[in-house]
PDB file of all heavy atoms in Angstrom:
ATOM      1  N   GLU A   1      80.424 108.880  98.001  1.00  0.00           N
ATOM      2  CA  GLU A   1      80.877 107.491  97.714  1.00  0.00           C
ATOM      3  C   GLU A   1      81.438 107.367  96.292  1.00  0.00           C
ATOM      4  O   GLU A   1      82.099 106.346  96.012  1.00  0.00           O
ATOM      5  CB  GLU A   1      79.669 106.536  97.857  1.00  0.00           C
ATOM      6  CG  GLU A   1      79.368 106.174  99.324  1.00  0.00           C
ATOM      7  CD  GLU A   1      78.473 107.229  99.960  1.00  0.00           C
ATOM      8  OE1 GLU A   1      78.166 108.281  99.318  1.00  0.00           O
ATOM      9  OE2 GLU A   1      77.999 107.009 101.110  1.00  0.00           O
ATOM     10  N   SER A   2      81.202 108.376  95.441  1.00  0.00           N
ATOM     11  CA  SER A   2      81.825 108.372  94.104  1.00  0.00           C
ATOM     12  C   SER A   2      83.337 108.324  94.198  1.00  0.00           C
ATOM     13  O   SER A   2      83.994 107.874  93.295  1.00  0.00           O
ATOM     14  CB  SER A   2      81.390 109.639  93.344  1.00  0.00           C
ATOM     15  OG  SER A   2      79.996 109.748  93.278  1.00  0.00           O
ATOM     16  N   SER A   3      83.872 108.786  95.319  1.00  0.00           N
ATOM     17  CA  SER A   3      85.295 108.754  95.536  1.00  0.00           C
ATOM     18  C   SER A   3      85.851 107.323  95.562  1.00  0.00           C
ATOM     19  O   SER A   3      87.004 107.108  95.251  1.00  0.00           O
ATOM     20  CB  SER A   3      85.716 109.457  96.800  1.00  0.00           C
ATOM     21  OG  SER A   3      84.953 109.016  97.898  1.00  0.00           O
ATOM     22  N   ALA A   4      84.974 106.380  95.876  1.00  0.00           N
ATOM     23  CA  ALA A   4      85.378 104.958  95.776  1.00  0.00           C
ATOM     24  C   ALA A   4      85.648 104.549  94.360  1.00  0.00           C
ATOM     25  O   ALA A   4      86.602 103.858  94.072  1.00  0.00           O
ATOM     26  CB  ALA A   4      84.319 104.077  96.426  1.00  0.00           C
ATOM     27  N   GLY A   5      84.833 105.024  93.450  1.00  0.00           N
ATOM     28  CA  GLY A   5      85.060 104.753  92.032  1.00  0.00           C
ATOM     29  C   GLY A   5      86.309 105.455  91.505  1.00  0.00           C
ATOM     30  O   GLY A   5      87.080 104.887  90.701  1.00  0.00           O
ATOM     31  N   VAL A   6      86.541 106.677  91.959  1.00  0.00           N
ATOM     32  CA  VAL A   6      87.731 107.447  91.567  1.00  0.00           C
ATOM     33  C   VAL A   6      88.963 106.725  92.120  1.00  0.00           C
ATOM     34  O   VAL A   6      89.997 106.619  91.418  1.00  0.00           O
ATOM     35  CB  VAL A   6      87.664 108.864  92.093  1.00  0.00           C
ATOM     36  CG1 VAL A   6      89.007 109.575  91.918  1.00  0.00           C
ATOM     37  CG2 VAL A   6      86.549 109.644  91.429  1.00  0.00           C
ATOM     38  N   ALA A   7      88.858 106.151  93.279  1.00  0.00           N
ATOM     39  CA  ALA A   7      90.007 105.467  93.900  1.00  0.00           C
ATOM     40  C   ALA A   7      90.424 104.253  93.101  1.00  0.00           C
ATOM     41  O   ALA A   7      91.608 103.827  93.132  1.00  0.00           O
ATOM     42  CB  ALA A   7      89.678 105.042  95.314  1.00  0.00           C
ATOM     43  N   VAL A   8      89.508 103.649  92.314  1.00  0.00           N
ATOM     44  CA  VAL A   8      89.899 102.471  91.510  1.00  0.00           C
ATOM     45  C   VAL A   8      90.162 102.865  90.077  1.00  0.00           C
ATOM     46  O   VAL A   8      90.325 101.966  89.214  1.00  0.00           O
ATOM     47  CB  VAL A   8      88.808 101.352  91.555  1.00  0.00           C
ATOM     48  CG1 VAL A   8      88.661 100.836  92.960  1.00  0.00           C
ATOM     49  CG2 VAL A   8      87.511 101.852  90.986  1.00  0.00           C
ATOM     50  N   GLY A   9      90.233 104.165  89.785  1.00  0.00           N
ATOM     51  CA  GLY A   9      90.654 104.611  88.481  1.00  0.00           C
ATOM     52  C   GLY A   9      89.684 105.444  87.654  1.00  0.00           C
ATOM     53  O   GLY A   9      90.098 105.890  86.566  1.00  0.00           O
ATOM     54  N   ALA A  10      88.456 105.607  88.039  1.00  0.00           N
ATOM     55  CA  ALA A  10      87.496 106.351  87.256  1.00  0.00           C
ATOM     56  C   ALA A  10      87.915 107.859  87.205  1.00  0.00           C
ATOM     57  O   ALA A  10      88.322 108.445  88.185  1.00  0.00           O
ATOM     58  CB  ALA A  10      86.118 106.257  87.890  1.00  0.00           C
ATOM     59  N   ARG A  11      87.814 108.391  85.973  1.00  0.00           N
ATOM     60  CA  ARG A  11      88.205 109.783  85.775  1.00  0.00           C
ATOM     61  C   ARG A  11      87.182 110.536  84.871  1.00  0.00           C
ATOM     62  O   ARG A  11      87.225 111.758  84.758  1.00  0.00           O
ATOM     63  CB  ARG A  11      89.588 109.895  85.128  1.00  0.00           C
ATOM     64  CG  ARG A  11      90.731 109.461  86.009  1.00  0.00           C
ATOM     65  CD  ARG A  11      90.901 110.318  87.235  1.00  0.00           C
ATOM     66  NE  ARG A  11      92.042 109.938  88.060  1.00  0.00           N
ATOM     67  CZ  ARG A  11      91.932 109.085  89.055  1.00  0.00           C
ATOM     68  NH1 ARG A  11      90.759 108.481  89.304  1.00  0.00           N
ATOM     69  NH2 ARG A  11      92.974 108.779  89.797  1.00  0.00           N
ATOM     70  N   SER A  12      86.322 109.864  84.178  1.00  0.00           N
ATOM     71  CA  SER A  12      85.452 110.512  83.237  1.00  0.00           C
ATOM     72  C   SER A  12      83.986 110.241  83.515  1.00  0.00           C
ATOM     73  O   SER A  12      83.608 109.481  84.381  1.00  0.00           O
ATOM     74  CB  SER A  12      85.746 109.969  81.820  1.00  0.00           C
ATOM     75  OG  SER A  12      85.214 108.671  81.614  1.00  0.00           O
ATOM     76  N   GLY A  13      83.130 110.914  82.740  1.00  0.00           N
ATOM     77  CA  GLY A  13      81.669 110.773  82.888  1.00  0.00           C
ATOM     78  C   GLY A  13      81.184 109.375  82.525  1.00  0.00           C
ATOM     79  O   GLY A  13      80.084 109.035  82.886  1.00  0.00           O
ATOM     80  N   LEU A  14      82.021 108.560  81.838  1.00  0.00           N
ATOM     81  CA  LEU A  14      81.585 107.215  81.509  1.00  0.00           C
ATOM     82  C   LEU A  14      81.313 106.417  82.755  1.00  0.00           C
ATOM     83  O   LEU A  14      80.387 105.617  82.770  1.00  0.00           O
ATOM     84  CB  LEU A  14      82.680 106.512  80.678  1.00  0.00           C
ATOM     85  CG  LEU A  14      82.389 105.087  80.275  1.00  0.00           C
ATOM     86  CD1 LEU A  14      81.077 104.984  79.472  1.00  0.00           C
ATOM     87  CD2 LEU A  14      83.587 104.538  79.466  1.00  0.00           C
ATOM     88  N   ALA A  15      82.095 106.630  83.832  1.00  0.00           N
ATOM     89  CA  ALA A  15      81.854 105.926  85.077  1.00  0.00           C
ATOM     90  C   ALA A  15      80.475 106.255  85.659  1.00  0.00           C
ATOM     91  O   ALA A  15      79.742 105.384  86.120  1.00  0.00           O
ATOM     92  CB  ALA A  15      82.947 106.297  86.126  1.00  0.00           C
ATOM     93  N   ALA A  16      80.090 107.536  85.574  1.00  0.00           N
ATOM     94  CA  ALA A  16      78.779 107.969  86.084  1.00  0.00           C
ATOM     95  C   ALA A  16      77.662 107.378  85.205  1.00  0.00           C
ATOM     96  O   ALA A  16      76.620 107.001  85.729  1.00  0.00           O
ATOM     97  CB  ALA A  16      78.642 109.503  86.083  1.00  0.00           C
ATOM     98  N   VAL A  17      77.903 107.254  83.914  1.00  0.00           N
ATOM     99  CA  VAL A  17      76.902 106.619  83.016  1.00  0.00           C
ATOM    100  C   VAL A  17      76.718 105.141  83.416  1.00  0.00           C
ATOM    101  O   VAL A  17      75.616 104.653  83.466  1.00  0.00           O
ATOM    102  CB  VAL A  17      77.338 106.748  81.561  1.00  0.00           C
ATOM    103  CG1 VAL A  17      76.452 105.893  80.683  1.00  0.00           C
ATOM    104  CG2 VAL A  17      77.329 108.186  81.111  1.00  0.00           C
ATOM    105  N   VAL A  18      77.845 104.471  83.662  1.00  0.00           N
ATOM    106  CA  VAL A  18      77.726 103.071  84.135  1.00  0.00           C
ATOM    107  C   VAL A  18      76.938 102.966  85.420  1.00  0.00           C
ATOM    108  O   VAL A  18      76.053 102.131  85.580  1.00  0.00           O
ATOM    109  CB  VAL A  18      79.170 102.479  84.330  1.00  0.00           C
ATOM    110  CG1 VAL A  18      79.091 101.127  85.018  1.00  0.00           C
ATOM    111  CG2 VAL A  18      79.866 102.389  82.973  1.00  0.00           C
ATOM    112  N   THR A  19      77.215 103.863  86.369  1.00  0.00           N
ATOM    113  CA  THR A  19      76.465 103.907  87.636  1.00  0.00           C
ATOM    114  C   THR A  19      74.973 104.120  87.405  1.00  0.00           C
ATOM    115  O   THR A  19      74.173 103.440  87.976  1.00  0.00           O
ATOM    116  CB  THR A  19      77.019 105.054  88.558  1.00  0.00           C
ATOM    117  OG1 THR A  19      78.428 104.798  88.789  1.00  0.00           O
ATOM    118  CG2 THR A  19      76.287 105.068  89.880  1.00  0.00           C
ATOM    119  N   GLY A  20      74.672 105.049  86.509  1.00  0.00           N
ATOM    120  CA  GLY A  20      73.241 105.343  86.181  1.00  0.00           C
ATOM    121  C   GLY A  20      72.544 104.141  85.607  1.00  0.00           C
ATOM    122  O   GLY A  20      71.404 103.817  85.949  1.00  0.00           O
ATOM    123  N   ILE A  21      73.201 103.450  84.665  1.00  0.00           N
ATOM    124  CA  ILE A  21      72.596 102.282  84.062  1.00  0.00           C
ATOM    125  C   ILE A  21      72.355 101.171  85.079  1.00  0.00           C
ATOM    126  O   ILE A  21      71.347 100.500  85.082  1.00  0.00           O
ATOM    127  CB  ILE A  21      73.503 101.750  82.898  1.00  0.00           C
ATOM    128  CG1 ILE A  21      73.525 102.755  81.766  1.00  0.00           C
ATOM    129  CG2 ILE A  21      73.064 100.341  82.410  1.00  0.00           C
ATOM    130  CD1 ILE A  21      74.533 102.466  80.683  1.00  0.00           C
ATOM    131  N   LEU A  22      73.317 101.003  85.992  1.00  0.00           N
ATOM    132  CA  LEU A  22      73.155 100.003  87.048  1.00  0.00           C
ATOM    133  C   LEU A  22      72.012 100.301  88.001  1.00  0.00           C
ATOM    134  O   LEU A  22      71.306  99.381  88.460  1.00  0.00           O
ATOM    135  CB  LEU A  22      74.477  99.873  87.822  1.00  0.00           C
ATOM    136  CG  LEU A  22      75.634  99.201  87.063  1.00  0.00           C
ATOM    137  CD1 LEU A  22      76.932  99.310  87.851  1.00  0.00           C
ATOM    138  CD2 LEU A  22      75.309  97.737  86.710  1.00  0.00           C
ATOM    139  N   PHE A  23      71.765 101.585  88.257  1.00  0.00           N
ATOM    140  CA  PHE A  23      70.605 101.962  89.054  1.00  0.00           C
ATOM    141  C   PHE A  23      69.348 101.630  88.335  1.00  0.00           C
ATOM    142  O   PHE A  23      68.350 101.157  88.963  1.00  0.00           O
ATOM    143  CB  PHE A  23      70.672 103.455  89.423  1.00  0.00           C
ATOM    144  CG  PHE A  23      71.350 103.767  90.670  1.00  0.00           C
ATOM    145  CD1 PHE A  23      72.544 104.447  90.706  1.00  0.00           C
ATOM    146  CD2 PHE A  23      70.843 103.354  91.892  1.00  0.00           C
ATOM    147  CE1 PHE A  23      73.212 104.757  91.864  1.00  0.00           C
ATOM    148  CE2 PHE A  23      71.484 103.638  93.124  1.00  0.00           C
ATOM    149  CZ  PHE A  23      72.684 104.324  93.055  1.00  0.00           C
ATOM    150  N   LEU A  24      69.289 101.818  86.992  1.00  0.00           N
ATOM    151  CA  LEU A  24      68.071 101.397  86.275  1.00  0.00           C
ATOM    152  C   LEU A  24      67.880  99.876  86.339  1.00  0.00           C
ATOM    153  O   LEU A  24      66.770  99.399  86.537  1.00  0.00           O
ATOM    154  CB  LEU A  24      68.204 101.832  84.788  1.00  0.00           C
ATOM    155  CG  LEU A  24      67.905 103.325  84.500  1.00  0.00           C
ATOM    156  CD1 LEU A  24      68.099 103.560  82.991  1.00  0.00           C
ATOM    157  CD2 LEU A  24      66.485 103.686  84.903  1.00  0.00           C
TER     158      LEU A  24
END
């Protein structure tokens, strides 16, 4: 499902950090 984030422009680890913070 990370490909959904890539599809809207994510290219770096910052997107994964944002995802991790939201899970917390």
